[in-house]
N, C-alpha and C. Protein backbone atom coordinates (compact mmCIF):
# COMPACT_ATOMS: atom_id res chain seq x y z
N MET A 1 -8.82 29.92 42.88
CA MET A 1 -8.59 28.51 42.94
C MET A 1 -9.45 27.80 41.91
N PHE A 2 -8.81 26.78 41.27
CA PHE A 2 -9.51 26.07 40.22
C PHE A 2 -10.21 24.87 40.80
N VAL A 3 -11.47 24.76 40.49
CA VAL A 3 -12.26 23.65 41.00
C VAL A 3 -13.00 23.06 39.83
N ALA A 4 -12.97 21.75 39.73
CA ALA A 4 -13.68 21.07 38.65
C ALA A 4 -15.17 21.25 38.85
N PRO A 5 -15.94 21.28 37.75
CA PRO A 5 -17.37 21.52 37.88
C PRO A 5 -18.06 20.46 38.72
N ALA A 6 -17.57 19.23 38.72
CA ALA A 6 -18.24 18.20 39.50
C ALA A 6 -18.06 18.44 40.98
N PHE A 7 -16.90 19.02 41.34
CA PHE A 7 -16.63 19.27 42.75
C PHE A 7 -17.19 20.61 43.20
N ALA A 8 -17.54 21.45 42.26
CA ALA A 8 -18.07 22.76 42.62
C ALA A 8 -19.45 22.62 43.24
N ALA A 9 -20.13 21.59 42.86
CA ALA A 9 -21.47 21.39 43.43
C ALA A 9 -21.33 20.88 44.83
N SER A 10 -22.04 21.45 45.74
CA SER A 10 -21.97 21.00 47.11
C SER A 10 -23.34 21.08 47.74
N ASP A 11 -23.42 20.60 48.93
CA ASP A 11 -24.70 20.61 49.63
C ASP A 11 -24.94 21.92 50.38
N GLN A 12 -24.12 22.94 50.20
CA GLN A 12 -24.31 24.21 50.86
C GLN A 12 -25.38 25.02 50.13
N PRO A 13 -26.08 25.78 50.89
CA PRO A 13 -27.13 26.58 50.25
C PRO A 13 -26.54 27.66 49.35
N ALA A 14 -27.15 27.87 48.25
CA ALA A 14 -26.74 28.93 47.34
C ALA A 14 -27.16 30.27 47.91
N GLU A 15 -26.83 31.34 47.21
CA GLU A 15 -27.13 32.66 47.72
C GLU A 15 -28.63 32.92 47.77
N ASN A 16 -29.32 32.30 46.95
CA ASN A 16 -30.76 32.53 46.95
C ASN A 16 -31.49 31.50 47.81
N GLY A 17 -30.76 30.61 48.49
CA GLY A 17 -31.36 29.70 49.42
C GLY A 17 -31.66 28.34 48.86
N GLU A 18 -31.33 28.05 47.64
CA GLU A 18 -31.57 26.73 47.07
C GLU A 18 -30.34 25.87 47.23
N THR A 19 -30.56 24.60 47.40
CA THR A 19 -29.42 23.68 47.51
C THR A 19 -29.28 22.90 46.22
N HIS A 20 -28.06 22.58 45.91
CA HIS A 20 -27.78 21.77 44.73
C HIS A 20 -27.25 20.43 45.19
N SER A 21 -27.63 19.42 44.53
CA SER A 21 -27.11 18.10 44.88
C SER A 21 -25.91 17.80 44.01
N ALA A 22 -25.18 16.74 44.35
CA ALA A 22 -23.97 16.38 43.63
C ALA A 22 -24.29 15.90 42.24
N THR A 23 -25.49 15.43 41.98
CA THR A 23 -25.84 14.95 40.65
C THR A 23 -26.17 16.09 39.73
N GLU A 24 -26.41 17.20 40.29
CA GLU A 24 -26.73 18.34 39.43
C GLU A 24 -25.47 19.16 39.26
N ALA A 25 -24.70 18.87 38.33
CA ALA A 25 -23.47 19.59 38.12
C ALA A 25 -23.36 19.99 36.68
N GLY A 26 -22.47 20.89 36.42
CA GLY A 26 -22.20 21.27 35.05
C GLY A 26 -22.85 22.59 34.70
N HIS A 27 -22.42 23.04 33.57
CA HIS A 27 -22.96 24.28 33.05
C HIS A 27 -24.11 23.98 32.12
N ASP A 28 -24.89 24.84 32.00
CA ASP A 28 -26.04 24.77 31.09
C ASP A 28 -26.92 23.59 31.42
N GLY A 29 -26.86 23.04 32.59
CA GLY A 29 -27.77 21.99 33.01
C GLY A 29 -27.47 20.66 32.37
N ALA A 30 -26.32 20.45 31.71
CA ALA A 30 -25.98 19.17 31.10
C ALA A 30 -25.42 18.24 32.17
N GLU A 31 -25.70 17.03 32.00
CA GLU A 31 -25.24 16.04 32.97
C GLU A 31 -23.82 15.61 32.59
N ALA A 32 -22.85 15.61 33.57
CA ALA A 32 -21.44 15.28 33.31
C ALA A 32 -21.21 13.81 33.62
N GLY A 33 -20.31 13.12 32.83
CA GLY A 33 -19.94 11.72 33.03
C GLY A 33 -18.45 11.59 33.28
N PHE A 34 -17.94 10.34 33.28
CA PHE A 34 -16.52 10.08 33.48
C PHE A 34 -15.79 10.55 32.24
N PRO A 35 -14.78 11.48 32.38
CA PRO A 35 -14.18 12.13 31.21
C PRO A 35 -13.59 11.18 30.18
N PRO A 36 -12.88 10.06 30.58
CA PRO A 36 -12.33 9.22 29.51
C PRO A 36 -13.39 8.54 28.68
N PHE A 37 -14.59 8.43 29.19
CA PHE A 37 -15.64 7.77 28.41
C PHE A 37 -16.46 8.74 27.57
N GLU A 38 -16.11 9.98 27.61
CA GLU A 38 -16.84 10.96 26.80
C GLU A 38 -16.33 10.89 25.37
N THR A 39 -17.20 10.71 24.45
CA THR A 39 -16.83 10.54 23.04
C THR A 39 -16.28 11.82 22.44
N SER A 40 -16.54 12.91 23.02
CA SER A 40 -16.05 14.16 22.46
C SER A 40 -14.54 14.32 22.70
N THR A 41 -13.97 13.60 23.68
CA THR A 41 -12.53 13.72 23.96
C THR A 41 -11.72 12.56 23.37
N TYR A 42 -12.34 11.65 22.62
CA TYR A 42 -11.62 10.51 22.04
C TYR A 42 -10.47 10.94 21.13
N PRO A 43 -10.63 11.86 20.23
CA PRO A 43 -9.51 12.21 19.34
C PRO A 43 -8.30 12.73 20.13
N SER A 44 -8.51 13.57 21.11
CA SER A 44 -7.37 14.09 21.87
C SER A 44 -6.75 12.99 22.72
N GLN A 45 -7.58 12.09 23.22
CA GLN A 45 -7.03 10.97 24.02
C GLN A 45 -6.19 10.05 23.15
N ILE A 46 -6.63 9.79 21.94
CA ILE A 46 -5.88 8.93 21.02
C ILE A 46 -4.58 9.61 20.62
N LEU A 47 -4.61 10.93 20.38
CA LEU A 47 -3.42 11.68 20.04
C LEU A 47 -2.39 11.59 21.19
N TRP A 48 -2.82 11.84 22.39
CA TRP A 48 -1.91 11.78 23.54
C TRP A 48 -1.44 10.33 23.80
N LEU A 49 -2.29 9.36 23.55
CA LEU A 49 -1.87 7.96 23.67
C LEU A 49 -0.76 7.66 22.67
N ALA A 50 -0.89 8.09 21.43
CA ALA A 50 0.11 7.86 20.40
C ALA A 50 1.42 8.58 20.76
N ILE A 51 1.31 9.83 21.21
CA ILE A 51 2.52 10.59 21.59
C ILE A 51 3.21 9.90 22.77
N THR A 52 2.46 9.51 23.80
CA THR A 52 3.02 8.86 24.98
C THR A 52 3.63 7.51 24.61
N PHE A 53 2.93 6.74 23.79
CA PHE A 53 3.45 5.44 23.36
C PHE A 53 4.73 5.63 22.55
N GLY A 54 4.75 6.61 21.67
CA GLY A 54 5.94 6.89 20.86
C GLY A 54 7.12 7.28 21.73
N LEU A 55 6.88 8.19 22.69
CA LEU A 55 7.97 8.59 23.58
C LEU A 55 8.45 7.41 24.43
N PHE A 56 7.51 6.62 24.92
CA PHE A 56 7.87 5.44 25.71
C PHE A 56 8.66 4.45 24.86
N TYR A 57 8.25 4.27 23.58
CA TYR A 57 8.96 3.38 22.66
C TYR A 57 10.38 3.90 22.42
N LEU A 58 10.51 5.20 22.17
CA LEU A 58 11.84 5.78 21.95
C LEU A 58 12.70 5.64 23.21
N PHE A 59 12.12 5.86 24.37
CA PHE A 59 12.86 5.70 25.63
C PHE A 59 13.35 4.25 25.78
N LEU A 60 12.47 3.31 25.52
CA LEU A 60 12.87 1.91 25.61
C LEU A 60 13.95 1.58 24.58
N LYS A 61 13.75 2.06 23.34
CA LYS A 61 14.68 1.74 22.26
C LYS A 61 16.05 2.37 22.47
N ARG A 62 16.10 3.60 22.92
CA ARG A 62 17.36 4.33 23.03
C ARG A 62 18.05 4.21 24.39
N VAL A 63 17.28 3.98 25.46
CA VAL A 63 17.87 4.01 26.79
C VAL A 63 17.79 2.63 27.48
N ALA A 64 16.60 2.14 27.69
CA ALA A 64 16.43 0.95 28.53
C ALA A 64 16.92 -0.32 27.86
N LEU A 65 16.52 -0.57 26.62
CA LEU A 65 16.91 -1.81 25.94
C LEU A 65 18.41 -1.90 25.69
N PRO A 66 19.11 -0.82 25.28
CA PRO A 66 20.57 -0.94 25.15
C PRO A 66 21.25 -1.27 26.48
N ARG A 67 20.75 -0.67 27.55
CA ARG A 67 21.33 -0.99 28.86
C ARG A 67 21.09 -2.46 29.20
N LEU A 68 19.87 -2.94 28.98
CA LEU A 68 19.57 -4.35 29.25
C LEU A 68 20.41 -5.27 28.36
N ALA A 69 20.56 -4.88 27.07
CA ALA A 69 21.38 -5.69 26.17
C ALA A 69 22.83 -5.69 26.64
N GLY A 70 23.34 -4.55 27.10
CA GLY A 70 24.70 -4.48 27.61
C GLY A 70 24.87 -5.35 28.84
N ILE A 71 23.91 -5.28 29.73
CA ILE A 71 23.97 -6.10 30.95
C ILE A 71 23.95 -7.58 30.59
N MET A 72 23.06 -7.95 29.66
CA MET A 72 22.98 -9.35 29.26
C MET A 72 24.27 -9.80 28.57
N GLU A 73 24.89 -8.92 27.77
CA GLU A 73 26.15 -9.25 27.10
C GLU A 73 27.27 -9.44 28.13
N VAL A 74 27.31 -8.54 29.11
CA VAL A 74 28.32 -8.66 30.17
C VAL A 74 28.13 -9.96 30.93
N ARG A 75 26.89 -10.29 31.24
CA ARG A 75 26.62 -11.54 31.96
C ARG A 75 27.00 -12.75 31.10
N ARG A 76 26.67 -12.69 29.82
CA ARG A 76 27.01 -13.79 28.91
C ARG A 76 28.52 -13.96 28.85
N ASP A 77 29.24 -12.83 28.73
CA ASP A 77 30.71 -12.90 28.70
C ASP A 77 31.26 -13.44 30.02
N ARG A 78 30.70 -12.99 31.13
CA ARG A 78 31.16 -13.44 32.45
C ARG A 78 30.91 -14.94 32.61
N ILE A 79 29.74 -15.39 32.17
CA ILE A 79 29.43 -16.82 32.25
C ILE A 79 30.38 -17.62 31.38
N ALA A 80 30.66 -17.11 30.16
CA ALA A 80 31.59 -17.81 29.27
C ALA A 80 32.99 -17.85 29.88
N GLN A 81 33.43 -16.74 30.48
CA GLN A 81 34.73 -16.72 31.14
C GLN A 81 34.76 -17.68 32.31
N ASP A 82 33.68 -17.70 33.09
CA ASP A 82 33.63 -18.62 34.24
C ASP A 82 33.67 -20.07 33.77
N LEU A 83 32.95 -20.38 32.69
CA LEU A 83 32.98 -21.74 32.17
C LEU A 83 34.37 -22.10 31.64
N ASP A 84 35.01 -21.14 30.94
CA ASP A 84 36.37 -21.38 30.45
C ASP A 84 37.33 -21.59 31.61
N GLN A 85 37.20 -20.75 32.62
CA GLN A 85 38.07 -20.87 33.79
C GLN A 85 37.82 -22.20 34.50
N ALA A 86 36.56 -22.60 34.62
CA ALA A 86 36.25 -23.88 35.26
C ALA A 86 36.84 -25.03 34.45
N ALA A 87 36.74 -24.96 33.13
CA ALA A 87 37.32 -26.02 32.29
C ALA A 87 38.84 -26.04 32.44
N ARG A 88 39.46 -24.85 32.48
CA ARG A 88 40.91 -24.77 32.64
C ARG A 88 41.33 -25.32 34.00
N LEU A 89 40.60 -24.94 35.05
CA LEU A 89 40.92 -25.44 36.39
C LEU A 89 40.72 -26.95 36.48
N LYS A 90 39.67 -27.46 35.81
CA LYS A 90 39.45 -28.91 35.81
C LYS A 90 40.61 -29.61 35.11
N GLN A 91 41.04 -29.05 33.98
CA GLN A 91 42.17 -29.64 33.26
C GLN A 91 43.43 -29.59 34.11
N GLU A 92 43.66 -28.46 34.81
CA GLU A 92 44.83 -28.35 35.67
C GLU A 92 44.75 -29.35 36.82
N SER A 93 43.56 -29.51 37.38
CA SER A 93 43.44 -30.48 38.48
C SER A 93 43.64 -31.90 37.97
N ASP A 94 43.13 -32.20 36.78
CA ASP A 94 43.38 -33.53 36.21
C ASP A 94 44.87 -33.75 35.97
N GLU A 95 45.56 -32.72 35.46
CA GLU A 95 46.99 -32.83 35.25
C GLU A 95 47.73 -32.99 36.57
N ALA A 96 47.28 -32.24 37.59
CA ALA A 96 47.92 -32.35 38.91
C ALA A 96 47.70 -33.74 39.49
N ILE A 97 46.52 -34.28 39.32
CA ILE A 97 46.24 -35.63 39.82
C ILE A 97 47.12 -36.65 39.08
N ALA A 98 47.23 -36.50 37.77
CA ALA A 98 48.07 -37.41 37.00
C ALA A 98 49.53 -37.30 37.42
N ALA A 99 49.99 -36.05 37.62
CA ALA A 99 51.38 -35.85 38.06
C ALA A 99 51.58 -36.44 39.46
N TYR A 100 50.60 -36.27 40.32
CA TYR A 100 50.69 -36.84 41.69
C TYR A 100 50.77 -38.36 41.62
N GLU A 101 49.91 -38.95 40.82
CA GLU A 101 49.92 -40.42 40.70
C GLU A 101 51.24 -40.89 40.09
N GLN A 102 51.77 -40.16 39.11
CA GLN A 102 53.06 -40.51 38.50
C GLN A 102 54.17 -40.41 39.54
N ALA A 103 54.17 -39.30 40.31
CA ALA A 103 55.19 -39.12 41.34
C ALA A 103 55.08 -40.20 42.41
N LEU A 104 53.86 -40.55 42.75
CA LEU A 104 53.64 -41.60 43.75
C LEU A 104 54.17 -42.95 43.25
N ALA A 105 53.90 -43.25 41.98
CA ALA A 105 54.39 -44.50 41.40
C ALA A 105 55.92 -44.50 41.36
N GLU A 106 56.52 -43.36 40.97
CA GLU A 106 57.97 -43.27 40.95
C GLU A 106 58.55 -43.41 42.35
N ALA A 107 57.90 -42.79 43.33
CA ALA A 107 58.38 -42.89 44.71
C ALA A 107 58.30 -44.33 45.22
N ARG A 108 57.22 -45.02 44.87
CA ARG A 108 57.10 -46.42 45.27
C ARG A 108 58.21 -47.27 44.61
N LEU A 109 58.44 -47.02 43.33
CA LEU A 109 59.48 -47.75 42.62
C LEU A 109 60.85 -47.47 43.24
N LYS A 110 61.11 -46.19 43.52
CA LYS A 110 62.39 -45.82 44.13
C LYS A 110 62.51 -46.43 45.52
N ALA A 111 61.42 -46.43 46.30
CA ALA A 111 61.44 -47.04 47.63
C ALA A 111 61.73 -48.54 47.52
N ASN A 112 61.13 -49.20 46.53
CA ASN A 112 61.40 -50.62 46.33
C ASN A 112 62.87 -50.85 45.96
N GLU A 113 63.40 -49.97 45.09
CA GLU A 113 64.81 -50.09 44.72
C GLU A 113 65.72 -49.88 45.92
N ILE A 114 65.42 -48.86 46.72
CA ILE A 114 66.23 -48.58 47.92
C ILE A 114 66.14 -49.75 48.89
N GLY A 115 64.93 -50.28 49.07
CA GLY A 115 64.75 -51.44 49.95
C GLY A 115 65.51 -52.64 49.46
N GLN A 116 65.46 -52.87 48.15
CA GLN A 116 66.19 -54.01 47.57
C GLN A 116 67.70 -53.83 47.74
N LYS A 117 68.18 -52.58 47.51
CA LYS A 117 69.61 -52.32 47.70
C LYS A 117 70.01 -52.53 49.16
N ALA A 118 69.14 -52.08 50.07
CA ALA A 118 69.44 -52.25 51.50
C ALA A 118 69.46 -53.74 51.86
N ARG A 119 68.49 -54.51 51.32
CA ARG A 119 68.48 -55.96 51.58
C ARG A 119 69.73 -56.63 51.01
N ASP A 120 70.09 -56.23 49.78
CA ASP A 120 71.29 -56.82 49.17
C ASP A 120 72.54 -56.45 49.97
N ALA A 121 72.63 -55.19 50.41
CA ALA A 121 73.80 -54.76 51.18
C ALA A 121 73.84 -55.49 52.52
N ALA A 122 72.69 -55.63 53.18
CA ALA A 122 72.66 -56.34 54.46
C ALA A 122 73.03 -57.81 54.27
N LYS A 123 72.54 -58.40 53.17
CA LYS A 123 72.86 -59.80 52.90
C LYS A 123 74.35 -59.96 52.62
N ALA A 124 74.91 -59.03 51.82
CA ALA A 124 76.34 -59.10 51.52
C ALA A 124 77.16 -58.91 52.78
N GLN A 125 76.74 -57.97 53.63
CA GLN A 125 77.46 -57.74 54.88
C GLN A 125 77.35 -58.97 55.79
N ALA A 126 76.18 -59.57 55.85
CA ALA A 126 76.00 -60.77 56.68
C ALA A 126 76.84 -61.92 56.14
N ASP A 127 76.89 -62.06 54.81
CA ASP A 127 77.71 -63.11 54.21
C ASP A 127 79.19 -62.88 54.53
N GLU A 128 79.62 -61.62 54.40
CA GLU A 128 81.01 -61.30 54.69
C GLU A 128 81.33 -61.56 56.17
N THR A 129 80.42 -61.15 57.05
CA THR A 129 80.61 -61.40 58.48
C THR A 129 80.65 -62.89 58.76
N ARG A 130 79.78 -63.65 58.10
CA ARG A 130 79.77 -65.11 58.27
C ARG A 130 81.09 -65.72 57.80
N ARG A 131 81.60 -65.24 56.65
CA ARG A 131 82.87 -65.74 56.14
C ARG A 131 84.01 -65.44 57.12
N VAL A 132 84.01 -64.21 57.67
CA VAL A 132 85.07 -63.84 58.62
C VAL A 132 84.98 -64.72 59.86
N VAL A 133 83.76 -64.91 60.37
CA VAL A 133 83.58 -65.73 61.57
C VAL A 133 83.97 -67.17 61.28
N GLU A 134 83.57 -67.69 60.12
CA GLU A 134 83.95 -69.06 59.76
C GLU A 134 85.46 -69.19 59.65
N ALA A 135 86.12 -68.18 59.07
CA ALA A 135 87.58 -68.22 58.94
C ALA A 135 88.23 -68.20 60.32
N GLN A 136 87.69 -67.35 61.23
CA GLN A 136 88.23 -67.30 62.59
C GLN A 136 88.02 -68.65 63.30
N LEU A 137 86.81 -69.20 63.11
CA LEU A 137 86.54 -70.50 63.73
C LEU A 137 87.45 -71.58 63.15
N GLU A 138 87.70 -71.53 61.86
CA GLU A 138 88.59 -72.50 61.21
C GLU A 138 90.00 -72.37 61.77
N GLU A 139 90.45 -71.11 61.96
CA GLU A 139 91.78 -70.90 62.54
C GLU A 139 91.84 -71.45 63.96
N ARG A 140 90.79 -71.17 64.73
CA ARG A 140 90.75 -71.67 66.11
C ARG A 140 90.73 -73.21 66.14
N LEU A 141 89.93 -73.77 65.22
CA LEU A 141 89.83 -75.22 65.15
C LEU A 141 91.19 -75.83 64.78
N THR A 142 91.85 -75.23 63.81
CA THR A 142 93.17 -75.70 63.40
C THR A 142 94.16 -75.57 64.56
N GLY A 143 94.10 -74.42 65.24
CA GLY A 143 94.97 -74.20 66.41
C GLY A 143 94.67 -75.21 67.50
N ALA A 144 93.37 -75.48 67.73
CA ALA A 144 92.98 -76.44 68.77
C ALA A 144 93.46 -77.84 68.39
N GLU A 145 93.30 -78.20 67.13
CA GLU A 145 93.77 -79.52 66.69
C GLU A 145 95.28 -79.64 66.85
N THR A 146 95.96 -78.56 66.54
CA THR A 146 97.43 -78.57 66.69
C THR A 146 97.81 -78.74 68.16
N ARG A 147 97.12 -77.99 69.03
CA ARG A 147 97.41 -78.11 70.47
C ARG A 147 97.07 -79.51 70.98
N ILE A 148 95.91 -80.02 70.49
CA ILE A 148 95.53 -81.38 70.91
C ILE A 148 96.59 -82.38 70.46
N SER A 149 97.08 -82.23 69.24
CA SER A 149 98.12 -83.13 68.72
C SER A 149 99.38 -83.01 69.56
N GLU A 150 99.74 -81.75 69.90
CA GLU A 150 100.94 -81.54 70.73
C GLU A 150 100.75 -82.16 72.11
N ILE A 151 99.56 -81.91 72.70
CA ILE A 151 99.28 -82.47 74.03
C ILE A 151 99.28 -84.00 73.97
N LYS A 152 98.70 -84.53 72.91
CA LYS A 152 98.65 -85.98 72.74
C LYS A 152 100.05 -86.54 72.60
N ALA A 153 100.83 -85.86 71.75
CA ALA A 153 102.21 -86.32 71.55
C ALA A 153 102.98 -86.21 72.85
N SER A 154 102.78 -85.11 73.57
CA SER A 154 103.47 -84.93 74.85
C SER A 154 103.01 -85.99 75.85
N ALA A 155 101.70 -86.23 75.85
CA ALA A 155 101.17 -87.24 76.77
C ALA A 155 101.69 -88.62 76.39
N LEU A 156 101.72 -88.90 75.10
CA LEU A 156 102.22 -90.20 74.68
C LEU A 156 103.70 -90.36 75.00
N SER A 157 104.44 -89.27 74.85
CA SER A 157 105.86 -89.37 75.19
C SER A 157 106.02 -89.56 76.69
N ASP A 158 105.18 -88.94 77.45
CA ASP A 158 105.22 -89.10 78.90
C ASP A 158 104.69 -90.49 79.30
N VAL A 159 103.78 -91.02 78.52
CA VAL A 159 103.22 -92.35 78.84
C VAL A 159 104.34 -93.39 78.83
N GLY A 160 105.21 -93.28 77.85
CA GLY A 160 106.33 -94.24 77.80
C GLY A 160 107.20 -94.14 79.05
N THR A 161 107.50 -92.95 79.49
CA THR A 161 108.32 -92.74 80.69
C THR A 161 107.58 -93.22 81.91
N ILE A 162 106.29 -92.86 81.98
CA ILE A 162 105.46 -93.28 83.13
C ILE A 162 105.35 -94.82 83.14
N ALA A 163 105.16 -95.40 81.97
CA ALA A 163 105.04 -96.86 81.89
C ALA A 163 106.35 -97.53 82.33
N GLU A 164 107.45 -96.93 81.92
CA GLU A 164 108.73 -97.50 82.33
C GLU A 164 108.90 -97.40 83.85
N ASP A 165 108.59 -96.26 84.41
CA ASP A 165 108.72 -96.06 85.86
C ASP A 165 107.77 -97.01 86.60
N THR A 166 106.53 -97.09 86.10
CA THR A 166 105.54 -97.94 86.76
C THR A 166 105.94 -99.41 86.65
N ALA A 167 106.40 -99.82 85.50
CA ALA A 167 106.80 -101.22 85.31
C ALA A 167 108.01 -101.54 86.19
N GLY A 168 108.94 -100.59 86.27
CA GLY A 168 110.12 -100.81 87.12
C GLY A 168 109.72 -100.93 88.59
N SER A 169 108.76 -100.11 89.03
CA SER A 169 108.30 -100.16 90.43
C SER A 169 107.56 -101.45 90.70
N ILE A 170 106.75 -101.90 89.75
CA ILE A 170 105.97 -103.12 89.94
C ILE A 170 106.93 -104.32 90.04
N VAL A 171 107.92 -104.36 89.18
CA VAL A 171 108.85 -105.47 89.17
C VAL A 171 109.63 -105.49 90.48
N GLN A 172 110.03 -104.36 90.96
CA GLN A 172 110.78 -104.31 92.21
C GLN A 172 109.91 -104.71 93.38
N THR A 173 108.69 -104.28 93.36
CA THR A 173 107.82 -104.58 94.49
C THR A 173 107.39 -106.04 94.45
N LEU A 174 107.00 -106.52 93.36
CA LEU A 174 106.47 -107.87 93.26
C LEU A 174 107.61 -108.91 93.17
N GLY A 175 108.54 -108.62 92.39
CA GLY A 175 109.60 -109.59 92.14
C GLY A 175 110.72 -109.52 93.16
N GLY A 176 110.86 -108.50 93.79
CA GLY A 176 111.87 -108.34 94.78
C GLY A 176 113.27 -108.18 94.20
N GLY A 177 113.41 -108.13 92.96
CA GLY A 177 114.73 -107.97 92.40
C GLY A 177 114.90 -106.62 91.74
N SER A 178 116.07 -106.37 91.27
CA SER A 178 116.29 -105.07 90.66
C SER A 178 116.44 -105.26 89.16
N VAL A 179 115.85 -104.30 88.46
CA VAL A 179 115.84 -104.34 86.99
C VAL A 179 116.45 -103.01 86.53
N THR A 180 117.15 -103.02 85.42
CA THR A 180 117.77 -101.79 84.92
C THR A 180 116.76 -101.03 84.08
N LYS A 181 117.05 -99.80 83.93
CA LYS A 181 116.15 -98.93 83.17
C LYS A 181 116.12 -99.35 81.70
N ALA A 182 117.19 -99.78 81.19
CA ALA A 182 117.26 -100.18 79.80
C ALA A 182 116.42 -101.42 79.55
N GLU A 183 116.41 -102.34 80.49
CA GLU A 183 115.60 -103.54 80.34
C GLU A 183 114.13 -103.19 80.37
N VAL A 184 113.76 -102.30 81.30
CA VAL A 184 112.35 -101.89 81.41
C VAL A 184 111.93 -101.14 80.14
N ALA A 185 112.74 -100.26 79.57
CA ALA A 185 112.42 -99.49 78.35
C ALA A 185 112.25 -100.43 77.18
N ALA A 186 113.10 -101.47 77.08
CA ALA A 186 112.99 -102.42 75.99
C ALA A 186 111.71 -103.24 76.12
N ALA A 187 111.33 -103.55 77.32
CA ALA A 187 110.10 -104.32 77.54
C ALA A 187 108.87 -103.47 77.22
N VAL A 188 108.87 -102.19 77.59
CA VAL A 188 107.70 -101.30 77.31
C VAL A 188 107.61 -101.09 75.82
N LYS A 189 108.72 -100.91 75.11
CA LYS A 189 108.67 -100.69 73.67
C LYS A 189 108.16 -101.93 72.97
N ALA A 190 108.52 -103.08 73.48
CA ALA A 190 108.07 -104.34 72.89
C ALA A 190 106.58 -104.51 73.09
N ALA A 191 106.03 -103.96 74.18
CA ALA A 191 104.62 -104.11 74.49
C ALA A 191 103.75 -103.15 73.67
N ARG A 192 104.29 -102.16 73.20
CA ARG A 192 103.47 -101.17 72.46
C ARG A 192 103.07 -101.69 71.19
């Protein structure tokens, strides 16, 4: 088993009965320090630092940075596509709003036209109905006037007969004499 010289020293008694402390380590009685701070190992440490840095640089240059650049390019493209899509959707929504407002204005105009046509048709129908009713009333009025004229004429013709009969009765009752119908008719006609 491999044991570092610093760890080889222990507080156990040696074969000859002497104990070694942890500060007494190393071969040839030299005092050991922290290995990276030993000046004798600086050249090898610098060599390994350069090799490690070079390999790390090559790894970053060939593997990690291209992947990061690809990821950033994909994200940039995705963001650009999302912005383009958002602009396109905004334009489509603006067009849809404009089309909606245009359709709404056309619908209002058409509704006004339909309403106006309905009002005009109702007015024309009411006027026609009024004309028909007025014509019927005019016919009835003319018929009533004709009947009234006929009744009046009939009544007037009967008035002459009634007047003759009444005058003949009055003369007979009051005068006590008899009068002929022709005399009474001539007297009533003269009185009219």
